[in-house]
Protein backbone atom coordinates (compact mmCIF):
# COMPACT_ATOMS: atom_id res chain seq x y z
CA UNK A 1 -0.01 0.00 0.02
CA UNK A 2 1.23 3.47 -0.89
CA UNK A 3 -0.09 6.96 -1.53
CA UNK A 4 -1.26 8.16 -4.91
CA UNK A 5 -2.15 11.74 -5.97
CA UNK A 6 -5.89 11.74 -6.53
CA UNK A 7 -6.37 15.54 -6.88
CA UNK A 8 -4.28 18.64 -7.50
CA UNK A 9 -5.01 22.37 -7.30
CA UNK A 10 -3.23 25.71 -7.38
CA UNK A 11 -3.85 29.36 -6.70
CA UNK A 12 -1.91 32.52 -7.42
CA UNK A 13 -2.92 36.05 -6.47
CA UNK A 14 -4.22 38.13 -9.42
CA UNK A 15 -1.79 41.00 -8.87
CA UNK A 16 1.09 40.80 -11.31
CA UNK A 17 4.45 42.55 -10.88
CA UNK A 18 6.56 42.54 -14.05
CA UNK A 19 10.22 43.16 -14.55
CA UNK A 20 9.37 46.52 -16.06
CA UNK A 21 7.53 47.40 -12.84
CA UNK A 22 10.64 46.59 -10.87
CA UNK A 23 12.79 48.74 -13.17
CA UNK A 24 10.95 51.71 -11.68
CA UNK A 25 12.01 51.05 -8.07
CA UNK A 26 15.30 49.15 -8.43
CA UNK A 27 18.62 49.50 -10.25
CA UNK A 28 17.83 46.63 -12.59
CA UNK A 29 16.37 45.89 -16.03
CA UNK A 30 14.14 43.38 -17.70
CA UNK A 31 17.10 42.02 -19.66
CA UNK A 32 19.21 41.63 -16.47
CA UNK A 33 16.51 39.78 -14.58
CA UNK A 34 15.48 37.55 -17.54
CA UNK A 35 19.04 36.61 -18.39
CA UNK A 36 20.05 35.67 -14.90
CA UNK A 37 16.81 34.09 -13.57
CA UNK A 38 14.44 33.38 -16.44
CA UNK A 39 11.72 35.35 -14.62
CA UNK A 40 9.47 37.84 -16.49
CA UNK A 41 6.81 38.38 -13.86
CA UNK A 42 5.52 37.20 -10.46
CA UNK A 43 2.35 37.20 -8.48
CA UNK A 44 2.04 39.28 -5.32
CA UNK A 45 -0.56 38.83 -2.52
CA UNK A 46 -2.38 41.73 -0.95
CA UNK A 47 -1.05 42.88 2.44
CA UNK A 48 -4.02 41.33 4.23
CA UNK A 49 -3.69 37.92 2.54
CA UNK A 50 -2.06 35.12 4.56
CA UNK A 51 -0.52 31.78 3.53
CA UNK A 52 -3.65 29.96 4.67
CA UNK A 53 -5.83 32.20 2.37
CA UNK A 54 -3.88 31.15 -0.68
CA UNK A 55 -3.73 27.58 0.51
CA UNK A 56 -7.47 27.46 0.99
CA UNK A 57 -8.20 28.12 -2.71
CA UNK A 58 -5.62 25.62 -3.93
CA UNK A 59 -6.87 22.99 -1.46
CA UNK A 60 -10.48 23.45 -2.45
CA UNK A 61 -9.64 22.75 -6.08
CA UNK A 62 -7.46 19.74 -5.18
CA UNK A 63 -10.34 18.26 -3.09
CA UNK A 64 -12.80 18.83 -5.88
CA UNK A 65 -10.55 17.14 -8.43
CA UNK A 66 -9.98 14.20 -6.04
CA UNK A 67 -13.71 13.82 -5.40
CA UNK A 68 -13.11 14.14 -1.67
CA UNK A 69 -14.81 16.28 0.96
CA UNK A 70 -12.92 18.09 3.75
CA UNK A 71 -14.49 15.68 6.21
CA UNK A 72 -12.60 12.80 4.53
CA UNK A 73 -9.15 14.32 5.14
CA UNK A 74 -7.27 12.65 8.01
CA UNK A 75 -4.25 14.93 8.06
CA UNK A 76 -3.38 18.40 6.74
CA UNK A 77 0.33 19.02 6.10
CA UNK A 78 1.36 22.52 5.08
CA UNK A 79 4.83 23.38 3.85
CA UNK A 80 5.57 27.04 4.28
CA UNK A 81 8.32 29.46 5.27
CA UNK A 82 5.84 32.32 5.63
CA UNK A 83 3.25 31.02 8.17
CA UNK A 84 0.24 33.02 9.25
CA UNK A 85 1.66 33.04 12.79
CA UNK A 86 4.49 31.52 14.73
CA UNK A 87 1.77 29.32 16.15
CA UNK A 88 -0.89 28.01 15.73
CA UNK A 89 0.26 26.30 12.59
CA UNK A 90 -0.95 27.46 9.18
CA UNK A 91 -2.25 23.87 8.82
CA UNK A 92 -4.63 24.37 11.71
CA UNK A 93 -5.98 27.60 10.17
CA UNK A 94 -6.34 25.90 6.82
CA UNK A 95 -8.14 22.87 8.25
CA UNK A 96 -10.58 25.12 10.03
CA UNK A 97 -11.24 27.21 6.94
CA UNK A 98 -11.81 24.14 4.87
CA UNK A 99 -14.20 22.59 7.40
CA UNK A 100 -12.20 19.49 8.03
CA UNK A 101 -13.30 17.21 10.87
CA UNK A 102 -10.56 17.61 13.50
CA UNK A 103 -7.68 16.18 11.39
CA UNK A 104 -4.08 15.95 12.41
CA UNK A 105 -2.58 19.27 11.25
CA UNK A 106 0.93 20.66 11.26
CA UNK A 107 3.45 22.76 9.27
CA UNK A 108 6.70 21.73 7.72
CA UNK A 109 9.50 24.27 7.63
CA UNK A 110 11.96 23.10 4.95
CA UNK A 111 11.88 26.21 2.71
CA UNK A 112 11.77 25.37 -1.00
CA UNK A 113 12.00 21.60 -0.29
CA UNK A 114 8.95 21.76 1.94
CA UNK A 115 6.47 20.26 -0.51
CA UNK A 116 8.39 17.13 -1.29
CA UNK A 117 9.16 16.69 2.41
CA UNK A 118 5.39 16.88 2.88
CA UNK A 119 4.71 14.28 0.19
CA UNK A 120 7.19 11.98 1.97
CA UNK A 121 5.41 12.45 5.33
CA UNK A 122 1.94 11.98 3.79
CA UNK A 123 3.11 8.81 2.02
CA UNK A 124 4.48 7.45 5.27
CA UNK A 125 1.14 8.09 7.06
CA UNK A 126 -0.80 6.25 4.32
CA UNK A 127 1.58 3.38 3.61
CA UNK A 128 1.65 2.62 7.36
CA UNK A 129 -2.13 2.33 7.39
CA UNK A 130 -2.61 5.14 9.86
CA UNK A 131 -4.55 7.47 7.41
CA UNK A 132 -6.43 7.11 4.16
CA UNK A 133 -6.42 10.69 2.82
CA UNK A 134 -3.78 13.39 3.46
CA UNK A 135 -3.87 16.95 2.11
CA UNK A 136 -0.37 18.25 1.34
CA UNK A 137 0.02 21.98 0.57
CA UNK A 138 2.84 24.28 -0.37
CA UNK A 139 1.88 27.94 0.22
CA UNK A 140 3.98 31.11 0.40
CA UNK A 141 3.66 34.90 0.68
CA UNK A 142 7.32 35.66 0.25
CA UNK A 143 6.49 39.21 -0.76
CA UNK A 144 5.99 39.88 2.94
CA UNK A 145 9.61 38.91 3.94
CA UNK A 146 11.40 40.37 0.92
CA UNK A 147 13.54 43.50 1.13
CA UNK A 148 12.09 45.35 -1.85
CA UNK A 149 15.25 47.47 -1.95
CA UNK A 150 17.52 44.46 -2.53
CA UNK A 151 17.65 43.69 -6.18
CA UNK A 152 19.37 40.35 -5.64
CA UNK A 153 16.28 38.93 -3.93
CA UNK A 154 13.37 41.21 -4.75
CA UNK A 155 13.36 40.14 -8.41
CA UNK A 156 13.30 36.39 -7.60
CA UNK A 157 10.40 35.52 -5.35
CA UNK A 158 6.64 35.46 -5.76
CA UNK A 159 3.52 34.27 -3.96
CA UNK A 160 1.29 31.29 -4.59
CA UNK A 161 -0.06 27.95 -3.36
CA UNK A 162 -0.35 24.40 -4.67
CA UNK A 163 -2.04 21.43 -3.08
CA UNK A 164 -2.46 17.66 -3.66
CA UNK A 165 -4.74 15.07 -2.04
CA UNK A 166 -2.87 11.84 -1.24
CA UNK A 167 -5.03 8.72 -0.99
CA UNK A 168 -4.25 5.09 -0.24
CA UNK A 169 -3.90 2.64 -3.14
CA UNK A 170 -2.85 -0.93 -3.69
CA UNK A 171 -2.54 -0.40 -7.44
CA UNK A 172 0.69 0.00 -9.37
CA UNK A 173 0.94 3.79 -8.91
CA UNK A 174 1.74 6.42 -6.30
CA UNK A 175 4.94 7.54 -4.57
CA UNK A 176 7.60 4.92 -5.38
CA UNK A 177 10.64 6.54 -3.68
CA UNK A 178 11.81 9.55 -1.75
CA UNK A 179 15.25 10.82 -0.88
CA UNK A 180 15.33 13.67 1.69
CA UNK A 181 18.50 15.34 2.96
CA UNK A 182 19.70 18.42 4.94
CA UNK A 183 22.97 20.12 5.90
CA UNK A 184 22.64 22.82 8.51
CA UNK A 185 26.26 23.86 8.19
CA UNK A 186 25.37 25.83 5.05
CA UNK A 187 22.46 27.73 6.70
CA UNK A 188 23.98 31.03 5.84
CA UNK A 189 23.42 30.55 2.08
CA UNK A 190 19.70 31.25 2.37
CA UNK A 191 17.92 32.33 5.56
CA UNK A 192 15.51 34.77 7.18
CA UNK A 193 16.02 35.87 10.83
CA UNK A 194 12.90 36.22 12.94
CA UNK A 195 11.26 39.60 12.29
CA UNK A 196 13.71 40.50 9.53
CA UNK A 197 14.03 40.07 5.79
CA UNK A 198 15.25 37.25 3.61
CA UNK A 199 18.90 36.99 2.89
CA UNK A 200 20.67 34.91 0.22
CA UNK A 201 24.18 34.24 -1.15
CA UNK A 202 23.22 33.54 -4.70
CA UNK A 203 26.44 32.20 -6.13
CA UNK A 204 27.02 29.70 -3.29
CA UNK A 205 23.36 28.61 -3.39
CA UNK A 206 23.52 28.07 -7.12
CA UNK A 207 26.40 25.57 -6.98
CA UNK A 208 25.04 23.63 -4.06
CA UNK A 209 21.54 23.38 -5.61
CA UNK A 210 22.63 21.78 -8.84
CA UNK A 211 24.88 19.16 -7.24
CA UNK A 212 22.41 18.26 -4.48
CA UNK A 213 19.38 17.89 -6.77
CA UNK A 214 21.36 15.78 -9.24
CA UNK A 215 22.57 13.40 -6.56
CA UNK A 216 19.13 13.06 -4.88
CA UNK A 217 17.43 12.52 -8.23
CA UNK A 218 19.73 9.71 -9.28
CA UNK A 219 19.36 8.05 -5.88
CA UNK A 220 15.54 8.31 -5.99
CA UNK A 221 15.47 6.76 -9.43
CA UNK A 222 17.66 3.89 -8.26
CA UNK A 223 15.41 3.27 -5.23
CA UNK A 224 12.29 3.35 -7.41
CA UNK A 225 13.88 0.78 -9.83
CA UNK A 226 13.37 3.12 -12.87
CA UNK A 227 15.70 5.03 -15.18
CA UNK A 228 15.54 8.52 -16.61
CA UNK A 229 14.23 6.88 -19.85
CA UNK A 230 11.16 5.81 -17.89
CA UNK A 231 10.47 9.33 -16.68
CA UNK A 232 7.87 11.23 -18.67
CA UNK A 233 8.63 14.58 -16.99
CA UNK A 234 10.98 16.12 -14.46
CA UNK A 235 9.35 18.81 -12.36
CA UNK A 236 12.11 20.71 -10.49
CA UNK A 237 11.78 23.45 -7.95
CA UNK A 238 11.45 26.74 -9.90
CA UNK A 239 14.37 28.64 -8.36
CA UNK A 240 16.25 29.92 -11.34
CA UNK A 241 16.18 28.94 -15.04
CA UNK A 242 19.99 28.56 -15.07
CA UNK A 243 19.77 26.02 -12.21
CA UNK A 244 17.00 24.19 -14.04
CA UNK A 245 18.99 24.09 -17.32
CA UNK A 246 22.17 23.04 -15.54
CA UNK A 247 20.38 20.21 -13.77
CA UNK A 248 18.87 19.06 -17.11
CA UNK A 249 22.31 19.08 -18.69
CA UNK A 250 23.90 17.08 -15.87
CA UNK A 251 21.17 14.47 -16.09
CA UNK A 252 21.40 14.39 -19.92
CA UNK A 253 17.75 15.37 -20.38
CA UNK A 254 16.25 17.14 -23.45
CA UNK A 255 14.38 20.40 -22.85
CA UNK A 256 10.97 18.83 -23.41
CA UNK A 257 11.41 16.48 -20.49
CA UNK A 258 11.98 19.23 -17.94
CA UNK A 259 9.04 21.52 -17.03
CA UNK A 260 9.48 25.23 -16.14
CA UNK A 261 7.00 28.00 -15.53
CA UNK A 262 9.41 30.28 -13.66
CA UNK A 263 8.89 33.05 -16.19
CA UNK A 264 5.30 33.52 -14.98
CA UNK A 265 5.61 33.11 -11.19
CA UNK A 266 9.20 33.43 -10.11
CA UNK A 267 10.33 31.35 -7.17
CA UNK A 268 7.32 30.49 -5.02
CA UNK A 269 9.39 28.32 -2.69
CA UNK A 270 7.37 25.42 -1.27
CA UNK A 271 4.51 26.17 -3.68
CA UNK A 272 6.61 25.98 -6.83
CA UNK A 273 6.47 22.19 -7.45
CA UNK A 274 2.76 21.71 -6.98
CA UNK A 275 2.02 24.79 -9.09
CA UNK A 276 4.32 23.43 -11.83
CA UNK A 277 2.76 19.94 -11.58
CA UNK A 278 -0.73 21.42 -11.93
CA UNK A 279 0.14 23.47 -15.03
CA UNK A 280 2.10 20.60 -16.59
CA UNK A 281 -0.83 18.25 -16.19
CA UNK A 282 -3.29 20.86 -17.61
CA UNK A 283 -0.96 21.28 -20.61
CA UNK A 284 -0.90 17.54 -21.24
CA UNK A 285 2.78 17.17 -20.47
CA UNK A 286 2.00 14.00 -18.49
CA UNK A 287 -1.05 11.74 -17.90
CA UNK A 288 -2.21 9.05 -15.49
CA UNK A 289 0.21 6.20 -15.40
CA UNK A 290 3.30 8.30 -16.27
CA UNK A 291 6.42 8.51 -14.08
CA UNK A 292 7.38 11.89 -12.68
CA UNK A 293 10.56 12.97 -11.02
CA UNK A 294 10.22 15.87 -8.55
CA UNK A 295 13.31 17.51 -7.08
CA UNK A 296 13.92 20.54 -4.90
CA UNK A 297 16.57 22.48 -2.98
CA UNK A 298 16.06 25.11 -0.31
CA UNK A 299 17.18 26.88 2.89
CA UNK A 300 18.34 24.69 5.71
CA UNK A 301 20.02 23.61 3.61
CA UNK A 302 17.40 21.05 2.52
CA UNK A 303 16.99 19.06 -0.67
CA UNK A 304 15.52 15.91 -2.03
CA UNK A 305 13.77 14.04 -4.85
CA UNK A 306 10.61 11.96 -5.25
CA UNK A 307 9.60 9.49 -7.95
CA UNK A 308 5.86 9.23 -8.55
CA UNK A 309 3.73 7.16 -10.89
CA UNK A 310 0.88 9.54 -11.40
């Protein structure tokens, strides 16, 4: 018995901030941002919007697509670096807004790797027989922790949420393997002190991200008993187009096998993989029965990879 994805949803705020908008407040240009990051625009939440507000809309769509009601959800797992409060957890707020029936609810703080950490936890709950349905959400309002005067970070991040419903299955599908790692000795590469703004050492983060995601991906494939030839689509964390391209090159993958939507949303941290999965599915880039490789890297440092038969 393992967990399969039975429903997926996403939500991004309607407000769009383009590179040309940023040119007006920063010493930067559309060409500079596009060349170095691949980002053309990003979505920004309103000041009153919280991570749970974005998560609610993504979760409602995921539940509808799964044919599940909130009452059927046994656990709510929310990956976020921008929680509504220090406590209670954003997952508790989300479960209440959804109208769930007193599920287990908690947050995961693993930065951009949070969603695949959440998939791993949800799969463990289901494969052990403890739960039947788990809602896993990645949701971020990074606009609220960005220093809008720092061009090295202000141009990169955006807001959004993505959600999946995991349900038990005994069929030949679901989460086949997961490799999760961390290394706290590199915490200074990407971090956000309490009550302050996000800080990043871009060059150091770039090098570590590519190597870590490559290693985790190959290990996850080996554990799942599949090869890159079996993978229909790789869905990496949308951090930087140069990181995505370098990872594809290291893995020997053609462009059509690696999905990217970073040009539209920027880096939405824990929300980036479920948002990308949602859009890739809608575009017909994969279908039921196909193998997917998900891989991410984030502050902590944290990283990992998951192989799924959708």
